[in-house]
Amino acid sequence: MSGARDRTPPADAGITAGDARWLDGYPGGALLVAPEGAVIAANRAGREFASLLLQGEPAPLAAVIQRATAGGSIVAEMMQLPLNEGQVVIDLTVMPHARGDALLILLRDVTMEHNLRPALIESRQRYKDLVEVSSDFAWEVGPDGAFVFVSSQSALGYAADELIGQRPAELVVDAAAYRPFPFQSDQPLDGVELWMRRSDDTLACVAVSCRPLHAADGTWLGARGVCRDITREREREAALMRARHREQILHYVIQAIRNEVEPENMLAAAAASAARALGAAGCRVFRMAAPGAYTLAAEFGEAEGLPSADMEALLADIEDADVTLEREIGSWRVLGAVTDYRAAINGGVCLCKAGGLTEWSDDERLLVGDIADQLGIAIEQINNHERIVRLSRTDALTGLLNRRAFYDDEMPRRLRRLEHAQGSAALYYVDLDNFKSVNDRHGHQRGDEALVAVRDLLLEHSRPGDMIARIGGDEFVMWLDGIGPDVAESRARRLIEASLRLHRFSEGAENPLGISVGVAVYDPAARETLDELLARADVAMYSVKRRGKGGFEMAKPPARRG
């Protein structure tokens, strides 16, 4: 090799190059050198290393030769020698000759092994880290199907030593159902999900991947693989699915409410859809009539023997708890929730199912709470609608029906009912006497008080099913169902007598405040229209006015149509 010093042995050396031809049979590098370092003989591989070993001051080989010669013993050493690109690592063995005039040097290039070892250690650590990151524990089973290796210090809550020797099938729920069973599979499997028992007896959903181990003759020697605990993932997926299912049911109930054009039908649609969606035997929706008092607004399904009062008591208890409550009422298991709008309770909902069935689930409790939230909005919409309708149908001062409600709604409906039932009724046309003088003398506030007093007077002489309306400034009508001419006349006489207390609003005036009443008895057989009925009562009332006011007159019967 270039750069090596000439160290040719002297002519009188005891061992010659010819005597060392046996070095060529050594597979590695071999050198025969004199004690002072001169090369006596070398095989091909030895000559390639000679220049590296003998160059420099002192030469790398000199110190090793000196130790071997001085001690007369074999010296083994790992030596790193520089090259133009990197370095070479040589495993060096120096053996002194028995005669002491030569040394045999055997050497081997272990550069690759030297560099490969750290790489293998790093690769092994990398593989170990990846296994630990990608799985909860790695495992291996032997030919008997029992664990022979478990990587993690804590697998499913067990110490690794606790699992060694244990059969995986003892930890797997319904292990016989898996074909093939991942821990004893003779074929590669990836991501097989199964349920395993933890050390605390809880269950874990585990994804298992495995590779079988076979002998050269194909005999199954076991399997190895990894396990990853995916319980939380599956629980999250299940929770999302349940939430999605609840959302679908809630959407179904909301659509049922929105599809109803008439507000009074919204709660009935909600009760029906909620009961169907939750598989309940029945559903009742309540509206709050007063603080702590509920009235039944809609119901669906069968719940025999289940009084609404018990449900109302349940809702009253919920007001304080602000949660859904479940209670056994008779043979039924009832789940209730209050409804509210802007934190103000306005009703409640109760669903029931047979008491012998399973209890209401947590998802059903959440769903009933969500349905109650939507019903709270619906009830508020109904309240607003009724408020608007009530304002459009009633007189602002007296709270009685107004002219539009009387003509367009109440009277046509009542006349149709009487035509069907062939019953009689009486219409009282009431007009105030000398009302203008009250306003002129005492002011409009006093006049309003007088109108309210007339309202109270008419209410005293009517029944809950009768109808009273204010159709003009000082004009009222009263409709009494189910009475004939004699009773109508008797009622009119008592009304006139009671009207004398209206005189107080006149305060001694010559023309005291009073009423003039025209009474027309309705006979369905006459086929009389509403306008004709009103006209008869109006004529009778004006007849009283012409006679001097403060009385009543019975209208002439209508002419019968052929």
Protein backbone atom coordinates (compact mmCIF):
# COMPACT_ATOMS: atom_id res chain seq x y z
CA MET A 1 0.00 0.00 0.00
CA SER A 2 1.25 3.55 -0.70
CA GLY A 3 2.87 5.40 2.19
CA ALA A 4 4.10 2.30 4.09
CA ARG A 5 7.76 2.28 5.21
CA ASP A 6 10.08 -0.44 3.86
CA ARG A 7 10.42 -2.96 6.67
CA THR A 8 11.93 -5.92 4.74
CA PRO A 9 13.34 -8.54 7.15
CA PRO A 10 17.11 -9.04 7.30
CA ALA A 11 18.72 -11.92 5.43
CA ASP A 12 19.56 -13.84 8.62
CA ALA A 13 15.94 -13.81 10.04
CA GLY A 14 14.89 -17.05 11.62
CA ILE A 15 11.55 -17.20 9.77
CA THR A 16 11.35 -16.43 6.09
CA ALA A 17 8.45 -15.43 3.88
CA GLY A 18 8.65 -18.77 2.20
CA ASP A 19 8.18 -20.53 5.50
CA ALA A 20 4.92 -18.52 6.08
CA ARG A 21 2.95 -19.56 2.99
CA TRP A 22 0.37 -21.03 5.30
CA LEU A 23 -0.91 -17.49 5.99
CA ASP A 24 -2.78 -17.57 2.69
CA GLY A 25 -5.17 -20.15 4.06
CA TYR A 26 -6.50 -17.77 6.73
CA PRO A 27 -9.84 -16.16 5.60
CA GLY A 28 -9.13 -12.84 7.27
CA GLY A 29 -6.07 -10.61 7.29
CA ALA A 30 -2.84 -12.25 8.57
CA LEU A 31 0.61 -10.77 9.04
CA LEU A 32 3.89 -12.26 10.27
CA VAL A 33 6.07 -9.47 11.64
CA ALA A 34 9.42 -9.17 13.38
CA PRO A 35 9.49 -7.84 16.95
CA GLU A 36 10.62 -4.45 15.72
CA GLY A 37 7.57 -4.28 13.40
CA ALA A 38 8.99 -5.34 10.02
CA VAL A 39 6.56 -7.42 7.92
CA ILE A 40 7.98 -10.89 7.26
CA ALA A 41 5.01 -12.27 5.41
CA ALA A 42 1.33 -11.39 4.81
CA ASN A 43 -1.64 -12.79 2.99
CA ARG A 44 -3.62 -10.67 0.58
CA ALA A 45 -6.04 -9.25 3.15
CA GLY A 46 -3.14 -8.62 5.55
CA ARG A 47 -1.23 -6.61 2.99
CA GLU A 48 -4.26 -4.34 2.51
CA PHE A 49 -4.17 -3.43 6.20
CA ALA A 50 -0.36 -3.27 6.62
CA SER A 51 -0.05 0.34 5.52
CA LEU A 52 -2.77 1.43 7.98
CA LEU A 53 -1.10 -0.41 10.83
CA LEU A 54 2.50 0.61 10.17
CA GLN A 55 2.20 4.26 9.12
CA GLY A 56 2.63 7.16 11.48
CA GLU A 57 5.00 7.86 14.33
CA PRO A 58 4.57 5.81 16.35
CA ALA A 59 2.76 3.28 14.16
CA PRO A 60 -0.57 2.01 15.61
CA LEU A 61 0.73 -1.55 15.58
CA ALA A 62 3.99 -0.76 17.44
CA ALA A 63 2.40 -0.37 20.87
CA VAL A 64 0.44 -3.62 20.52
CA ILE A 65 3.56 -5.54 19.42
CA GLN A 66 5.49 -4.12 22.33
CA ARG A 67 2.83 -5.31 24.85
CA ALA A 68 2.69 -8.76 23.31
CA THR A 69 6.47 -9.11 23.21
CA ALA A 70 7.01 -7.79 26.69
CA GLY A 71 4.40 -9.99 28.22
CA GLY A 72 4.89 -12.99 25.97
CA SER A 73 1.13 -13.32 25.73
CA ILE A 74 -1.63 -12.91 23.20
CA VAL A 75 -3.04 -9.39 22.97
CA ALA A 76 -6.51 -8.74 21.50
CA GLU A 77 -7.62 -5.19 20.73
CA MET A 78 -10.26 -3.27 18.79
CA MET A 79 -8.54 -0.55 16.79
CA GLN A 80 -10.04 2.35 14.86
CA LEU A 81 -7.92 3.65 11.98
CA PRO A 82 -8.61 6.80 10.00
CA LEU A 83 -9.37 6.75 6.28
CA ASN A 84 -9.91 9.48 3.75
CA GLU A 85 -13.67 8.98 4.18
CA GLY A 86 -14.52 8.05 7.75
CA GLN A 87 -12.66 5.34 9.61
CA VAL A 88 -12.12 1.58 9.62
CA VAL A 89 -12.53 -0.60 12.73
CA ILE A 90 -10.25 -3.62 13.01
CA ASP A 91 -10.48 -6.53 15.45
CA LEU A 92 -6.74 -7.25 16.09
CA THR A 93 -5.10 -10.30 17.70
CA VAL A 94 -1.27 -10.43 18.23
CA MET A 95 0.32 -13.79 19.14
CA PRO A 96 4.10 -14.02 19.90
CA HIS A 97 5.97 -16.92 18.21
CA ALA A 98 7.29 -19.57 20.56
CA ARG A 99 10.92 -18.80 19.48
CA GLY A 100 10.38 -15.08 20.15
CA ASP A 101 11.69 -13.94 16.74
CA ALA A 102 8.28 -13.20 15.13
CA LEU A 103 4.70 -12.36 15.91
CA LEU A 104 1.55 -13.58 14.17
CA ILE A 105 -1.09 -10.87 13.70
CA LEU A 106 -4.65 -11.84 12.80
CA LEU A 107 -7.06 -9.07 11.96
CA ARG A 108 -10.66 -8.69 10.82
CA ASP A 109 -12.52 -5.67 9.45
CA VAL A 110 -15.46 -5.19 11.80
CA THR A 111 -16.40 -1.71 10.61
CA MET A 112 -19.83 -2.86 9.46
CA GLU A 113 -20.58 -4.73 12.66
CA HIS A 114 -19.31 -1.82 14.72
CA ASN A 115 -21.57 0.64 12.89
CA LEU A 116 -24.49 -1.77 12.68
CA ARG A 117 -24.75 -2.37 16.43
CA PRO A 118 -25.82 1.21 17.34
CA ALA A 119 -28.13 1.20 14.35
CA LEU A 120 -29.70 -2.04 15.53
CA ILE A 121 -30.03 -0.70 19.09
CA GLU A 122 -31.64 2.49 17.78
CA SER A 123 -33.90 0.51 15.45
CA ARG A 124 -34.93 -1.78 18.27
CA GLN A 125 -35.74 1.20 20.50
CA ARG A 126 -37.65 2.82 17.66
CA TYR A 127 -39.64 -0.36 17.10
CA LYS A 128 -40.32 -0.62 20.83
CA ASP A 129 -41.48 3.00 20.97
CA LEU A 130 -43.74 2.55 17.95
CA VAL A 131 -45.28 -0.59 19.40
CA GLU A 132 -45.96 1.18 22.68
CA VAL A 133 -47.41 4.22 20.93
CA SER A 134 -49.61 2.24 18.55
CA SER A 135 -50.89 -0.25 21.12
CA ASP A 136 -51.52 -0.69 24.79
CA PHE A 137 -49.52 -3.90 24.95
CA ALA A 138 -47.81 -6.44 22.71
CA TRP A 139 -48.18 -10.14 23.42
CA GLU A 140 -47.15 -13.59 22.35
CA VAL A 141 -48.70 -16.98 23.04
CA GLY A 142 -47.01 -20.34 22.85
CA PRO A 143 -48.17 -23.65 21.33
CA ASP A 144 -50.48 -24.23 24.31
CA GLY A 145 -52.29 -20.93 23.66
CA ALA A 146 -51.13 -19.30 26.89
CA PHE A 147 -49.30 -15.98 27.16
CA VAL A 148 -45.53 -16.35 27.10
CA PHE A 149 -44.83 -12.63 26.69
CA VAL A 150 -46.64 -9.39 27.53
CA SER A 151 -44.84 -6.13 26.86
CA SER A 152 -46.65 -3.64 29.05
CA GLN A 153 -46.13 -3.30 32.76
CA SER A 154 -49.92 -2.90 33.05
CA ALA A 155 -52.12 -4.58 30.45
CA LEU A 156 -55.87 -4.17 31.17
CA GLY A 157 -54.87 -3.40 34.74
CA TYR A 158 -52.90 -6.64 35.15
CA ALA A 159 -49.17 -6.76 35.80
CA ALA A 160 -47.33 -8.50 32.96
CA ASP A 161 -46.32 -11.35 35.28
CA GLU A 162 -49.96 -11.97 36.15
CA LEU A 163 -50.79 -12.68 32.51
CA ILE A 164 -47.87 -14.98 31.73
CA GLY A 165 -49.22 -18.52 31.60
CA GLN A 166 -52.86 -17.37 31.45
CA ARG A 167 -55.02 -18.20 28.44
CA PRO A 168 -56.44 -15.15 26.62
CA ALA A 169 -59.81 -16.90 26.19
CA GLU A 170 -60.32 -16.58 29.95
CA LEU A 171 -60.26 -12.78 29.59
CA VAL A 172 -62.37 -12.48 26.43
CA VAL A 173 -66.16 -12.21 26.63
CA ASP A 174 -67.76 -14.98 24.54
CA ALA A 175 -64.41 -16.08 23.12
CA ALA A 176 -65.99 -19.06 21.35
CA ALA A 177 -67.91 -16.71 19.05
CA TYR A 178 -64.74 -15.60 17.23
CA ARG A 179 -63.68 -17.65 14.22
CA PRO A 180 -60.74 -17.57 14.15
CA PHE A 181 -59.89 -16.52 17.69
CA PRO A 182 -57.23 -13.78 17.27
CA PHE A 183 -54.98 -15.06 20.07
CA GLN A 184 -54.86 -18.52 18.50
CA SER A 185 -55.19 -17.62 14.84
CA ASP A 186 -53.31 -19.49 12.11
CA GLN A 187 -53.66 -16.52 9.76
CA PRO A 188 -52.85 -12.81 10.03
CA LEU A 189 -55.67 -10.65 11.43
CA ASP A 190 -55.92 -6.88 11.82
CA GLY A 191 -58.15 -4.81 14.07
CA VAL A 192 -60.46 -7.55 15.37
CA GLU A 193 -62.65 -5.91 18.02
CA LEU A 194 -63.59 -7.90 21.09
CA TRP A 195 -64.50 -7.25 24.71
CA MET A 196 -62.04 -8.23 27.44
CA ARG A 197 -62.30 -8.15 31.23
CA ARG A 198 -60.05 -5.76 33.08
CA SER A 199 -58.53 -6.61 36.43
CA ASP A 200 -61.35 -4.65 38.15
CA ASP A 201 -64.01 -6.71 36.30
CA THR A 202 -65.02 -3.82 34.05
CA LEU A 203 -65.07 -4.44 30.31
CA ALA A 204 -62.74 -2.98 27.71
CA CYS A 205 -63.25 -2.95 23.95
CA VAL A 206 -59.93 -4.06 22.46
CA ALA A 207 -58.71 -4.06 18.85
CA VAL A 208 -56.42 -7.07 18.31
CA SER A 209 -53.96 -7.58 15.46
CA CYS A 210 -51.95 -10.77 15.23
CA ARG A 211 -49.48 -12.77 13.16
CA PRO A 212 -49.18 -16.57 13.51
CA LEU A 213 -45.86 -18.33 14.20
CA HIS A 214 -45.08 -21.50 12.21
CA ALA A 215 -42.21 -23.98 12.23
CA ALA A 216 -40.40 -24.90 9.03
CA ASP A 217 -42.75 -27.84 8.58
CA GLY A 218 -45.83 -25.63 9.01
CA THR A 219 -46.56 -26.58 12.61
CA TRP A 220 -48.33 -23.79 14.51
CA LEU A 221 -46.05 -22.56 17.26
CA GLY A 222 -48.19 -19.74 18.57
CA ALA A 223 -48.96 -16.16 17.65
CA ARG A 224 -47.87 -12.68 18.50
CA GLY A 225 -49.55 -9.34 18.12
CA VAL A 226 -50.69 -6.12 19.71
CA CYS A 227 -53.81 -4.96 21.58
CA ARG A 228 -55.19 -1.46 21.61
CA ASP A 229 -57.87 -0.39 24.10
CA ILE A 230 -60.51 1.45 22.08
CA THR A 231 -63.18 1.57 24.78
CA ARG A 232 -63.23 5.38 24.94
CA GLU A 233 -63.41 5.62 21.17
CA ARG A 234 -66.38 3.27 21.04
CA GLU A 235 -68.02 5.04 23.96
CA ARG A 236 -67.60 8.37 22.17
CA GLU A 237 -69.01 6.87 18.98
CA ALA A 238 -71.93 5.39 20.89
CA ALA A 239 -72.55 8.73 22.62
CA LEU A 240 -72.50 10.52 19.26
CA MET A 241 -74.89 7.97 17.79
CA ARG A 242 -77.24 8.36 20.75
CA ALA A 243 -77.04 12.15 20.45
CA ARG A 244 -77.75 11.90 16.71
CA HIS A 245 -80.70 9.61 17.44
CA ARG A 246 -82.04 12.04 20.03
CA GLU A 247 -81.63 14.86 17.53
CA GLN A 248 -83.61 12.91 14.92
CA ILE A 249 -86.42 12.19 17.36
CA LEU A 250 -86.48 15.81 18.49
CA HIS A 251 -86.60 16.96 14.87
CA TYR A 252 -89.53 14.59 14.30
CA VAL A 253 -91.42 16.11 17.24
CA ILE A 254 -90.59 19.68 16.16
CA GLN A 255 -91.79 18.99 12.62
CA ALA A 256 -95.03 17.55 13.96
CA ILE A 257 -95.57 20.79 15.89
CA ARG A 258 -94.63 23.05 12.98
CA ASN A 259 -96.82 21.18 10.51
CA GLU A 260 -99.93 22.13 12.46
CA VAL A 261 -101.54 25.25 11.07
CA GLU A 262 -103.94 25.75 13.97
CA PRO A 263 -102.15 26.61 17.24
CA GLU A 264 -104.69 24.67 19.32
CA ASN A 265 -103.63 21.47 17.52
CA MET A 266 -99.90 21.91 18.11
CA LEU A 267 -99.82 20.30 21.54
CA ALA A 268 -101.92 17.33 20.43
CA ALA A 269 -99.47 16.73 17.58
CA ALA A 270 -96.55 17.02 20.00
CA ALA A 271 -98.09 14.52 22.43
CA ALA A 272 -98.71 12.00 19.65
CA SER A 273 -95.26 12.32 18.08
CA ALA A 274 -93.44 12.21 21.44
CA ALA A 275 -95.28 9.05 22.52
CA ARG A 276 -94.60 7.30 19.21
CA ALA A 277 -90.94 8.33 19.11
CA LEU A 278 -90.21 7.11 22.65
CA GLY A 279 -92.38 4.02 22.47
CA ALA A 280 -94.53 5.33 25.34
CA ALA A 281 -98.03 4.08 26.05
CA GLY A 282 -99.28 7.60 26.47
CA CYS A 283 -98.34 11.26 26.67
CA ARG A 284 -100.07 14.20 28.31
CA VAL A 285 -99.20 17.86 27.86
CA PHE A 286 -100.23 20.40 30.49
CA ARG A 287 -100.43 24.16 30.50
CA MET A 288 -99.95 26.26 33.61
CA ALA A 289 -103.18 27.95 34.57
CA ALA A 290 -101.73 29.64 37.68
CA PRO A 291 -98.51 29.25 39.67
CA GLY A 292 -98.36 25.62 40.72
CA ALA A 293 -101.67 24.77 38.97
CA TYR A 294 -101.82 22.84 35.69
CA THR A 295 -104.60 22.04 33.24
CA LEU A 296 -104.58 19.20 30.72
CA ALA A 297 -104.01 20.63 27.24
CA ALA A 298 -103.50 17.51 25.10
CA GLU A 299 -103.15 13.75 25.47
CA PHE A 300 -102.35 10.75 23.33
CA GLY A 301 -102.43 7.01 23.87
CA GLU A 302 -103.81 4.87 26.63
CA ALA A 303 -103.04 5.28 30.31
CA GLU A 304 -106.01 3.80 32.06
CA GLY A 305 -106.32 4.49 35.75
CA LEU A 306 -103.76 7.29 35.62
CA PRO A 307 -105.34 10.47 37.04
CA SER A 308 -104.09 13.74 35.65
CA ALA A 309 -103.96 15.06 39.21
CA ASP A 310 -101.10 12.67 39.99
CA MET A 311 -99.21 13.91 36.95
CA GLU A 312 -99.85 17.51 37.98
CA ALA A 313 -98.43 16.71 41.42
CA LEU A 314 -95.36 15.24 39.75
CA LEU A 315 -94.87 18.43 37.74
CA ALA A 316 -95.24 20.53 40.88
CA ASP A 317 -92.39 18.54 42.45
CA ILE A 318 -90.26 19.07 39.35
CA GLU A 319 -90.62 22.84 39.65
CA ASP A 320 -88.45 22.79 42.73
CA ALA A 321 -85.94 20.22 41.41
CA ASP A 322 -85.63 21.67 37.90
CA VAL A 323 -85.01 18.19 36.49
CA THR A 324 -86.92 15.35 34.91
CA LEU A 325 -88.51 13.06 37.47
CA GLU A 326 -89.60 9.45 37.21
CA ARG A 327 -92.33 8.06 39.43
CA GLU A 328 -94.52 4.98 39.62
CA ILE A 329 -98.18 5.95 39.58
CA GLY A 330 -100.45 2.97 39.84
CA SER A 331 -99.35 0.42 37.26
CA TRP A 332 -97.53 3.04 35.20
CA ARG A 333 -94.02 4.43 35.25
CA VAL A 334 -94.28 8.15 34.50
CA LEU A 335 -91.48 10.43 33.33
CA GLY A 336 -92.21 14.13 33.57
CA ALA A 337 -90.57 17.46 32.83
CA VAL A 338 -91.76 21.04 33.14
CA THR A 339 -91.79 23.38 30.16
CA ASP A 340 -90.64 26.96 30.32
CA TYR A 341 -90.10 30.03 28.23
CA ARG A 342 -87.36 32.46 29.20
CA ALA A 343 -86.96 30.70 32.56
CA ALA A 344 -90.67 31.07 33.38
CA ILE A 345 -92.51 27.74 33.76
CA ASN A 346 -95.58 27.60 31.51
CA GLY A 347 -96.53 23.90 31.50
CA GLY A 348 -95.27 20.34 31.58
CA VAL A 349 -95.17 17.02 29.76
CA CYS A 350 -95.59 13.49 31.14
CA LEU A 351 -94.97 10.21 29.31
CA CYS A 352 -95.90 6.83 30.71
CA LYS A 353 -95.25 3.18 30.06
CA ALA A 354 -96.20 0.00 31.83
CA GLY A 355 -94.47 -0.29 35.20
CA GLY A 356 -93.29 -3.82 34.52
CA LEU A 357 -91.02 -2.66 31.69
CA THR A 358 -87.49 -1.38 32.11
CA GLU A 359 -86.94 2.04 33.62
CA TRP A 360 -86.60 5.12 31.49
CA SER A 361 -83.06 5.36 30.14
CA ASP A 362 -80.72 8.33 30.52
CA ASP A 363 -81.12 9.08 26.81
CA GLU A 364 -84.91 9.12 27.20
CA ARG A 365 -84.59 11.47 30.16
CA LEU A 366 -82.44 13.83 28.08
CA LEU A 367 -84.87 13.57 25.19
CA VAL A 368 -87.89 14.37 27.35
CA GLY A 369 -86.02 17.40 28.63
CA ASP A 370 -85.32 18.51 25.04
CA ILE A 371 -88.96 17.93 24.06
CA ALA A 372 -90.06 19.97 27.08
CA ASP A 373 -87.87 22.85 25.88
CA GLN A 374 -89.62 22.82 22.50
CA LEU A 375 -93.05 22.50 24.10
CA GLY A 376 -92.24 25.54 26.23
CA ILE A 377 -91.81 27.55 23.04
CA ALA A 378 -94.98 26.06 21.51
CA ILE A 379 -97.04 26.83 24.62
CA GLU A 380 -95.79 30.41 24.61
CA GLN A 381 -96.79 30.70 20.94
CA ILE A 382 -100.25 29.36 21.79
CA ASN A 383 -100.54 31.79 24.71
CA ASN A 384 -99.60 34.67 22.42
CA HIS A 385 -102.05 33.51 19.78
CA GLU A 386 -104.85 33.24 22.32
CA ARG A 387 -103.94 36.63 23.69
CA ILE A 388 -104.17 38.15 20.21
CA VAL A 389 -107.44 36.35 19.48
CA ARG A 390 -108.83 37.43 22.81
CA LEU A 391 -107.88 41.04 22.12
CA SER A 392 -109.45 40.86 18.67
CA ARG A 393 -112.68 39.31 20.05
CA THR A 394 -113.18 41.23 23.25
CA ASP A 395 -114.09 44.74 24.24
CA ALA A 396 -111.12 46.42 25.89
CA LEU A 397 -113.18 48.16 28.60
CA THR A 398 -115.63 45.46 29.69
CA GLY A 399 -113.83 42.28 28.61
CA LEU A 400 -117.04 41.12 26.89
CA LEU A 401 -117.18 39.87 23.32
CA ASN A 402 -117.03 42.67 20.78
CA ARG A 403 -119.26 43.27 17.77
CA ARG A 404 -117.08 41.23 15.35
CA ALA A 405 -116.94 38.19 17.65
CA PHE A 406 -120.71 38.40 18.17
CA TYR A 407 -121.66 38.63 14.50
CA ASP A 408 -118.95 36.52 12.87
CA ASP A 409 -118.20 33.80 15.43
CA GLU A 410 -120.53 33.30 18.38
CA MET A 411 -124.01 33.79 17.00
CA PRO A 412 -123.59 31.83 13.73
CA ARG A 413 -122.19 28.92 15.74
CA ARG A 414 -124.94 29.01 18.33
CA LEU A 415 -127.69 29.26 15.71
CA ARG A 416 -126.30 26.25 13.84
CA ARG A 417 -126.28 24.26 17.06
CA LEU A 418 -129.89 25.15 17.82
CA GLU A 419 -130.99 24.24 14.31
CA HIS A 420 -129.47 20.82 14.82
CA ALA A 421 -130.85 20.37 18.35
CA GLN A 422 -134.21 22.11 17.64
CA GLY A 423 -133.97 24.08 20.88
CA SER A 424 -135.05 27.61 21.73
CA ALA A 425 -133.20 30.63 23.09
CA ALA A 426 -133.72 34.32 23.78
CA LEU A 427 -131.81 37.36 22.53
CA TYR A 428 -131.85 40.48 24.75
CA TYR A 429 -131.04 43.75 23.00
CA VAL A 430 -129.97 46.17 25.76
CA ASP A 431 -129.55 49.92 25.19
CA LEU A 432 -128.63 52.40 27.92
CA ASP A 433 -130.99 55.25 28.70
CA ASN A 434 -129.57 58.75 29.23
CA PHE A 435 -125.96 57.56 29.00
CA LYS A 436 -124.85 60.72 27.18
CA SER A 437 -125.84 62.90 30.10
CA VAL A 438 -123.59 60.86 32.41
CA ASN A 439 -120.62 61.52 30.16
CA ASP A 440 -121.49 65.17 29.70
CA ARG A 441 -122.11 65.87 33.39
CA HIS A 442 -119.57 63.59 35.13
CA GLY A 443 -116.95 62.89 32.49
CA HIS A 444 -115.94 59.84 30.47
CA GLN A 445 -114.30 58.06 33.39
CA ARG A 446 -117.64 58.02 35.19
CA GLY A 447 -119.24 56.88 31.96
CA ASP A 448 -116.76 53.97 31.73
CA GLU A 449 -117.62 52.98 35.31
CA ALA A 450 -121.29 52.92 34.31
CA LEU A 451 -120.59 50.63 31.35
CA VAL A 452 -118.68 48.22 33.62
CA ALA A 453 -121.64 48.25 36.03
CA VAL A 454 -123.98 47.31 33.15
CA ARG A 455 -121.62 44.43 32.30
CA ASP A 456 -121.79 43.19 35.90
CA LEU A 457 -125.58 43.49 35.84
CA LEU A 458 -125.85 41.33 32.71
CA LEU A 459 -123.40 38.76 34.08
CA GLU A 460 -125.52 38.44 37.24
CA HIS A 461 -128.58 37.59 35.12
CA SER A 462 -126.86 35.05 32.85
CA ARG A 463 -125.34 31.58 33.24
CA PRO A 464 -121.80 30.34 32.43
CA GLY A 465 -122.90 28.95 29.06
CA ASP A 466 -124.70 32.09 27.97
CA MET A 467 -123.18 34.84 25.85
CA ILE A 468 -122.90 38.60 26.43
CA ALA A 469 -121.40 41.13 24.02
CA ARG A 470 -120.93 44.87 23.72
CA ILE A 471 -121.82 45.70 20.11
CA GLY A 472 -121.76 49.50 20.32
CA GLY A 473 -120.92 52.41 22.59
CA ASP A 474 -123.87 51.88 24.93
CA GLU A 475 -125.46 48.83 23.27
CA PHE A 476 -125.26 45.27 24.65
CA VAL A 477 -126.73 41.93 23.67
CA MET A 478 -127.31 38.91 25.89
CA TRP A 479 -128.04 35.43 24.58
CA LEU A 480 -129.67 32.93 26.93
CA ASP A 481 -129.71 29.32 25.71
CA GLY A 482 -132.53 26.86 26.35
CA ILE A 483 -135.33 29.18 27.47
CA GLY A 484 -138.81 29.83 26.02
CA PRO A 485 -141.02 32.94 25.95
CA ASP A 486 -142.25 32.68 29.55
CA VAL A 487 -138.83 32.27 31.11
CA ALA A 488 -137.41 34.96 28.83
CA GLU A 489 -140.06 37.43 29.99
CA SER A 490 -139.50 36.59 33.65
CA ARG A 491 -135.74 37.09 33.29
CA ALA A 492 -136.31 40.43 31.53
CA ARG A 493 -138.54 41.66 34.36
CA ARG A 494 -135.92 40.81 36.99
CA LEU A 495 -133.24 42.48 34.89
CA ILE A 496 -135.22 45.74 34.71
CA GLU A 497 -135.78 45.66 38.44
CA ALA A 498 -132.07 45.20 39.12
CA SER A 499 -131.13 47.98 36.73
CA LEU A 500 -132.51 50.58 39.16
CA ARG A 501 -129.14 50.58 40.92
CA LEU A 502 -127.67 52.24 37.85
CA HIS A 503 -129.38 55.46 38.96
CA ARG A 504 -126.41 56.19 41.23
CA PHE A 505 -124.35 57.17 38.22
CA SER A 506 -126.82 59.99 37.47
CA GLU A 507 -126.75 61.48 41.00
CA GLY A 508 -130.32 62.75 41.15
CA ALA A 509 -130.63 63.82 37.55
CA GLU A 510 -134.08 64.18 36.09
CA ASN A 511 -133.21 61.58 33.49
CA PRO A 512 -131.51 58.76 35.43
CA LEU A 513 -129.30 56.16 33.87
CA GLY A 514 -131.23 52.98 33.02
CA ILE A 515 -131.73 50.37 30.31
CA SER A 516 -134.32 49.61 27.64
CA VAL A 517 -134.52 45.95 26.58
CA GLY A 518 -136.01 44.26 23.57
CA VAL A 519 -136.40 40.47 23.85
CA ALA A 520 -136.68 38.18 20.81
CA VAL A 521 -137.23 34.45 21.35
CA TYR A 522 -135.54 32.29 18.72
CA ASP A 523 -137.46 29.39 17.16
CA PRO A 524 -135.43 27.18 14.81
CA ALA A 525 -138.60 26.11 13.03
CA ALA A 526 -139.08 29.64 11.76
CA ARG A 527 -135.73 29.50 9.89
CA GLU A 528 -135.01 33.04 11.00
CA THR A 529 -131.65 34.61 10.12
CA LEU A 530 -129.45 36.43 12.60
CA ASP A 531 -130.23 39.80 11.02
CA GLU A 532 -133.95 39.12 11.24
CA LEU A 533 -133.61 38.04 14.87
CA LEU A 534 -131.68 41.20 15.74
CA ALA A 535 -134.17 43.33 13.86
CA ARG A 536 -137.09 41.96 15.91
CA ALA A 537 -135.23 42.60 19.18
CA ASP A 538 -134.21 46.08 18.01
CA VAL A 539 -137.79 47.01 17.11
CA ALA A 540 -138.99 45.86 20.53
CA MET A 541 -136.24 47.86 22.26
CA TYR A 542 -137.09 51.08 20.40
CA SER A 543 -140.72 50.55 21.26
CA VAL A 544 -139.67 50.75 24.92
CA LYS A 545 -137.72 53.94 24.18
CA ARG A 546 -140.77 55.54 22.62
CA ARG A 547 -142.90 54.66 25.66
CA GLY A 548 -140.55 56.47 28.01
CA LYS A 549 -137.56 54.14 28.54
CA GLY A 550 -136.62 52.01 31.53
CA GLY A 551 -138.46 48.80 30.63
CA PHE A 552 -138.62 45.78 28.32
CA GLU A 553 -140.82 44.46 25.53
CA MET A 554 -141.18 40.99 24.06
CA ALA A 555 -140.77 41.04 20.27
CA LYS A 556 -143.48 39.62 18.11
CA PRO A 557 -142.85 35.99 17.01
CA PRO A 558 -141.33 35.61 13.55
CA ALA A 559 -143.42 34.65 10.58
CA ARG A 560 -142.93 30.95 9.79
CA ARG A 561 -141.56 30.16 6.38
CA GLY A 562 -143.25 27.46 4.37
